N, C-alpha and C. Protein backbone atom coordinates (compact mmCIF):
# COMPACT_ATOMS: atom_id res chain seq x y z
N MET A 1 0.83 -1.19 0.00
CA MET A 1 0.00 0.00 0.00
C MET A 1 0.86 1.25 0.00
N TYR A 2 1.85 1.29 0.85
CA TYR A 2 2.72 2.45 0.96
C TYR A 2 3.48 2.69 -0.34
N GLU A 3 3.97 1.62 -0.97
CA GLU A 3 4.71 1.75 -2.23
C GLU A 3 3.82 2.29 -3.33
N ALA A 4 2.57 1.87 -3.35
CA ALA A 4 1.63 2.36 -4.36
C ALA A 4 1.39 3.86 -4.19
N THR A 5 1.32 4.32 -2.95
CA THR A 5 1.13 5.74 -2.68
C THR A 5 2.33 6.54 -3.16
N ILE A 6 3.52 6.05 -2.90
CA ILE A 6 4.74 6.73 -3.34
C ILE A 6 4.79 6.79 -4.86
N GLU A 7 4.50 5.68 -5.51
CA GLU A 7 4.53 5.63 -6.98
C GLU A 7 3.46 6.56 -7.55
N GLY A 8 2.30 6.61 -6.95
CA GLY A 8 1.23 7.51 -7.41
C GLY A 8 1.64 8.97 -7.31
N ARG A 9 2.28 9.33 -6.23
CA ARG A 9 2.75 10.71 -6.07
C ARG A 9 3.85 11.03 -7.07
N ARG A 10 4.75 10.08 -7.31
CA ARG A 10 5.82 10.30 -8.28
C ARG A 10 5.24 10.52 -9.67
N ARG A 11 4.27 9.71 -10.03
CA ARG A 11 3.64 9.84 -11.35
C ARG A 11 2.86 11.15 -11.46
N SER A 12 2.26 11.59 -10.38
CA SER A 12 1.54 12.86 -10.39
C SER A 12 2.50 14.02 -10.62
N ARG A 13 3.65 14.00 -9.94
CA ARG A 13 4.66 15.04 -10.16
C ARG A 13 5.20 14.99 -11.58
N ALA A 14 5.38 13.78 -12.11
CA ALA A 14 5.87 13.64 -13.47
C ALA A 14 4.87 14.20 -14.47
N LEU A 15 3.59 13.99 -14.22
CA LEU A 15 2.56 14.54 -15.09
C LEU A 15 2.59 16.06 -15.06
N GLU A 16 2.76 16.63 -13.88
CA GLU A 16 2.85 18.08 -13.76
C GLU A 16 4.05 18.61 -14.55
N ASN A 17 5.19 17.92 -14.46
CA ASN A 17 6.38 18.32 -15.21
C ASN A 17 6.14 18.22 -16.71
N SER A 18 5.46 17.18 -17.12
CA SER A 18 5.17 16.98 -18.54
C SER A 18 4.26 18.09 -19.06
N CYS A 19 3.25 18.43 -18.30
CA CYS A 19 2.34 19.51 -18.70
C CYS A 19 3.06 20.85 -18.70
N ALA A 20 3.92 21.06 -17.72
CA ALA A 20 4.68 22.31 -17.66
C ALA A 20 5.60 22.44 -18.86
N ALA A 21 6.18 21.34 -19.31
CA ALA A 21 7.06 21.38 -20.47
C ALA A 21 6.30 21.82 -21.71
N SER A 22 5.06 21.41 -21.84
CA SER A 22 4.29 21.80 -23.02
C SER A 22 3.88 23.26 -22.95
N ARG A 23 3.73 23.82 -21.75
CA ARG A 23 3.34 25.22 -21.61
C ARG A 23 4.51 26.17 -21.72
N THR A 24 5.71 25.72 -21.45
CA THR A 24 6.85 26.63 -21.41
C THR A 24 7.59 26.74 -22.74
N GLY A 25 7.03 26.21 -23.80
CA GLY A 25 7.66 26.34 -25.10
C GLY A 25 8.73 25.30 -25.37
N SER A 26 8.66 24.18 -24.70
CA SER A 26 9.62 23.12 -24.93
C SER A 26 9.42 22.49 -26.30
N HIS A 27 10.46 21.90 -26.80
CA HIS A 27 10.38 21.19 -28.07
C HIS A 27 9.90 19.76 -27.84
N PHE A 28 9.45 19.14 -28.91
CA PHE A 28 8.93 17.78 -28.82
C PHE A 28 9.98 16.83 -28.24
N GLY A 29 11.23 17.00 -28.65
CA GLY A 29 12.30 16.14 -28.16
C GLY A 29 12.46 16.21 -26.65
N GLU A 30 12.36 17.41 -26.10
CA GLU A 30 12.47 17.57 -24.65
C GLU A 30 11.31 16.88 -23.94
N TRP A 31 10.10 17.08 -24.48
CA TRP A 31 8.93 16.45 -23.88
C TRP A 31 9.04 14.93 -23.96
N SER A 32 9.53 14.41 -25.09
CA SER A 32 9.62 12.96 -25.25
C SER A 32 10.61 12.35 -24.26
N GLU A 33 11.64 13.10 -23.90
CA GLU A 33 12.57 12.62 -22.86
C GLU A 33 11.86 12.51 -21.51
N ILE A 34 11.05 13.51 -21.19
CA ILE A 34 10.29 13.47 -19.94
C ILE A 34 9.34 12.28 -19.95
N TYR A 35 8.66 12.09 -21.08
CA TYR A 35 7.74 10.96 -21.19
C TYR A 35 8.48 9.63 -21.01
N GLY A 36 9.60 9.49 -21.70
CA GLY A 36 10.35 8.24 -21.61
C GLY A 36 10.82 7.93 -20.20
N ASP A 37 11.28 8.95 -19.51
CA ASP A 37 11.80 8.74 -18.16
C ASP A 37 10.71 8.48 -17.14
N ASN A 38 9.59 9.15 -17.28
CA ASN A 38 8.58 9.11 -16.23
C ASN A 38 7.41 8.17 -16.48
N PHE A 39 7.08 7.91 -17.73
CA PHE A 39 5.89 7.11 -17.99
C PHE A 39 6.21 5.81 -18.70
N SER A 40 7.09 5.86 -19.66
CA SER A 40 7.39 4.65 -20.42
C SER A 40 8.19 3.65 -19.59
N ARG A 41 9.05 4.15 -18.73
CA ARG A 41 9.92 3.28 -17.93
C ARG A 41 9.41 3.18 -16.50
N SER A 42 8.12 3.03 -16.34
CA SER A 42 7.57 2.99 -14.99
C SER A 42 7.63 1.57 -14.43
N ALA A 43 7.34 1.48 -13.16
CA ALA A 43 7.37 0.18 -12.49
C ALA A 43 6.21 -0.71 -12.92
N PHE A 44 5.22 -0.12 -13.55
CA PHE A 44 4.04 -0.87 -13.95
C PHE A 44 4.17 -1.48 -15.34
N ARG A 45 5.22 -1.15 -16.06
CA ARG A 45 5.38 -1.66 -17.43
C ARG A 45 6.62 -2.55 -17.51
N VAL A 46 6.57 -3.49 -18.43
CA VAL A 46 7.72 -4.35 -18.63
C VAL A 46 8.74 -3.63 -19.52
N GLN A 47 9.96 -4.09 -19.53
CA GLN A 47 11.04 -3.46 -20.28
C GLN A 47 10.73 -3.42 -21.78
N LYS A 48 10.10 -4.45 -22.29
CA LYS A 48 9.80 -4.51 -23.72
C LYS A 48 8.89 -3.34 -24.14
N THR A 49 7.94 -2.98 -23.29
CA THR A 49 7.07 -1.84 -23.59
C THR A 49 7.88 -0.57 -23.72
N HIS A 50 8.84 -0.38 -22.82
CA HIS A 50 9.70 0.80 -22.89
C HIS A 50 10.51 0.80 -24.18
N GLU A 51 11.01 -0.34 -24.59
CA GLU A 51 11.79 -0.43 -25.83
C GLU A 51 10.94 -0.06 -27.04
N VAL A 52 9.71 -0.53 -27.07
CA VAL A 52 8.80 -0.20 -28.17
C VAL A 52 8.51 1.30 -28.18
N ASN A 53 8.26 1.87 -27.01
CA ASN A 53 8.00 3.31 -26.92
C ASN A 53 9.21 4.12 -27.38
N GLU A 54 10.40 3.70 -26.98
CA GLU A 54 11.61 4.41 -27.40
C GLU A 54 11.80 4.36 -28.92
N ARG A 55 11.51 3.22 -29.51
CA ARG A 55 11.63 3.08 -30.96
C ARG A 55 10.64 4.02 -31.67
N ALA A 56 9.42 4.08 -31.16
CA ALA A 56 8.41 4.97 -31.74
C ALA A 56 8.81 6.43 -31.57
N LEU A 57 9.31 6.79 -30.39
CA LEU A 57 9.72 8.17 -30.15
C LEU A 57 10.90 8.57 -31.03
N LYS A 58 11.76 7.63 -31.35
CA LYS A 58 12.89 7.92 -32.23
C LYS A 58 12.39 8.42 -33.59
N HIS A 59 11.36 7.76 -34.12
CA HIS A 59 10.80 8.18 -35.40
C HIS A 59 10.04 9.50 -35.27
N LEU A 60 9.33 9.65 -34.19
CA LEU A 60 8.55 10.87 -33.99
C LEU A 60 9.44 12.09 -33.79
N ARG A 61 10.58 11.93 -33.10
CA ARG A 61 11.49 13.05 -32.88
C ARG A 61 12.02 13.60 -34.20
N LYS A 62 12.25 12.70 -35.17
CA LYS A 62 12.74 13.14 -36.48
C LYS A 62 11.71 14.02 -37.18
N MET A 63 10.45 13.66 -37.06
CA MET A 63 9.38 14.37 -37.76
C MET A 63 8.97 15.66 -37.05
N PHE A 64 8.86 15.61 -35.74
CA PHE A 64 8.36 16.76 -34.98
C PHE A 64 9.50 17.41 -34.21
N GLU A 65 10.22 18.29 -34.86
CA GLU A 65 11.33 18.99 -34.22
C GLU A 65 10.93 20.36 -33.69
N SER A 66 9.68 20.73 -33.89
CA SER A 66 9.23 22.06 -33.50
C SER A 66 8.81 22.07 -32.03
N LYS A 67 8.39 23.26 -31.58
CA LYS A 67 7.88 23.39 -30.23
C LYS A 67 6.53 22.70 -30.12
N LEU A 68 6.25 22.20 -28.95
CA LEU A 68 4.98 21.49 -28.74
C LEU A 68 3.78 22.40 -29.03
N ALA A 69 3.87 23.65 -28.65
CA ALA A 69 2.75 24.57 -28.85
C ALA A 69 2.50 24.84 -30.33
N GLU A 70 3.48 24.58 -31.18
CA GLU A 70 3.33 24.83 -32.61
C GLU A 70 2.80 23.63 -33.37
N LEU A 71 2.74 22.48 -32.74
CA LEU A 71 2.23 21.29 -33.42
C LEU A 71 0.73 21.39 -33.60
N THR A 72 0.28 21.05 -34.79
CA THR A 72 -1.15 21.10 -35.07
C THR A 72 -1.62 19.73 -35.57
N ALA A 73 -2.91 19.61 -35.71
CA ALA A 73 -3.47 18.38 -36.25
C ALA A 73 -2.98 18.15 -37.68
N ASP A 74 -2.73 19.23 -38.41
CA ASP A 74 -2.22 19.10 -39.78
C ASP A 74 -0.86 18.43 -39.81
N HIS A 75 0.01 18.77 -38.86
CA HIS A 75 1.33 18.12 -38.77
C HIS A 75 1.18 16.61 -38.56
N ILE A 76 0.28 16.26 -37.67
CA ILE A 76 0.07 14.84 -37.37
C ILE A 76 -0.52 14.12 -38.57
N GLU A 77 -1.48 14.75 -39.25
CA GLU A 77 -2.07 14.15 -40.43
C GLU A 77 -1.03 13.94 -41.53
N MET A 78 -0.13 14.92 -41.71
CA MET A 78 0.93 14.79 -42.72
C MET A 78 1.86 13.63 -42.36
N TYR A 79 2.17 13.49 -41.08
CA TYR A 79 3.03 12.39 -40.65
C TYR A 79 2.36 11.05 -40.91
N LEU A 80 1.10 10.94 -40.56
CA LEU A 80 0.38 9.69 -40.78
C LEU A 80 0.25 9.37 -42.26
N ALA A 81 0.01 10.38 -43.08
CA ALA A 81 -0.10 10.16 -44.52
C ALA A 81 1.24 9.72 -45.12
N SER A 82 2.32 10.30 -44.63
CA SER A 82 3.64 9.91 -45.16
C SER A 82 3.98 8.49 -44.75
N GLY A 83 3.54 8.05 -43.59
CA GLY A 83 3.80 6.69 -43.14
C GLY A 83 3.05 5.66 -43.95
N SER A 84 1.81 5.98 -44.30
CA SER A 84 1.04 5.02 -45.07
C SER A 84 1.53 4.93 -46.51
N SER A 85 2.04 6.06 -47.03
CA SER A 85 2.57 6.00 -48.40
C SER A 85 3.95 5.34 -48.45
N ASP A 86 4.71 5.42 -47.35
CA ASP A 86 6.03 4.78 -47.29
C ASP A 86 5.94 3.29 -46.99
N GLY A 87 4.76 2.84 -46.62
CA GLY A 87 4.60 1.43 -46.28
C GLY A 87 4.98 1.10 -44.86
N ARG A 88 5.09 2.13 -44.00
CA ARG A 88 5.43 1.86 -42.60
C ARG A 88 4.28 1.22 -41.86
N TRP A 89 3.05 1.46 -42.32
CA TRP A 89 1.89 0.81 -41.71
C TRP A 89 0.81 0.67 -42.72
């Protein structure tokens, strides 16, 4: 019980940091590092999940190099369209 409370508080602080990064003009790469450290590599997930997330973030970092506040739905749609035409999915 005590460990769950500690982990819950840690995740809550990590979420606050993640949200603050998006408000302060951080770039996607900076936010993805916060995500990888705090959410992808959590005690609740197996190592393989973290590896898959890291692989996906590697591709996303190449595409989204701008600030988080500047990303729009159009950017995401262009990324998804380029993936389907490249045969990635």
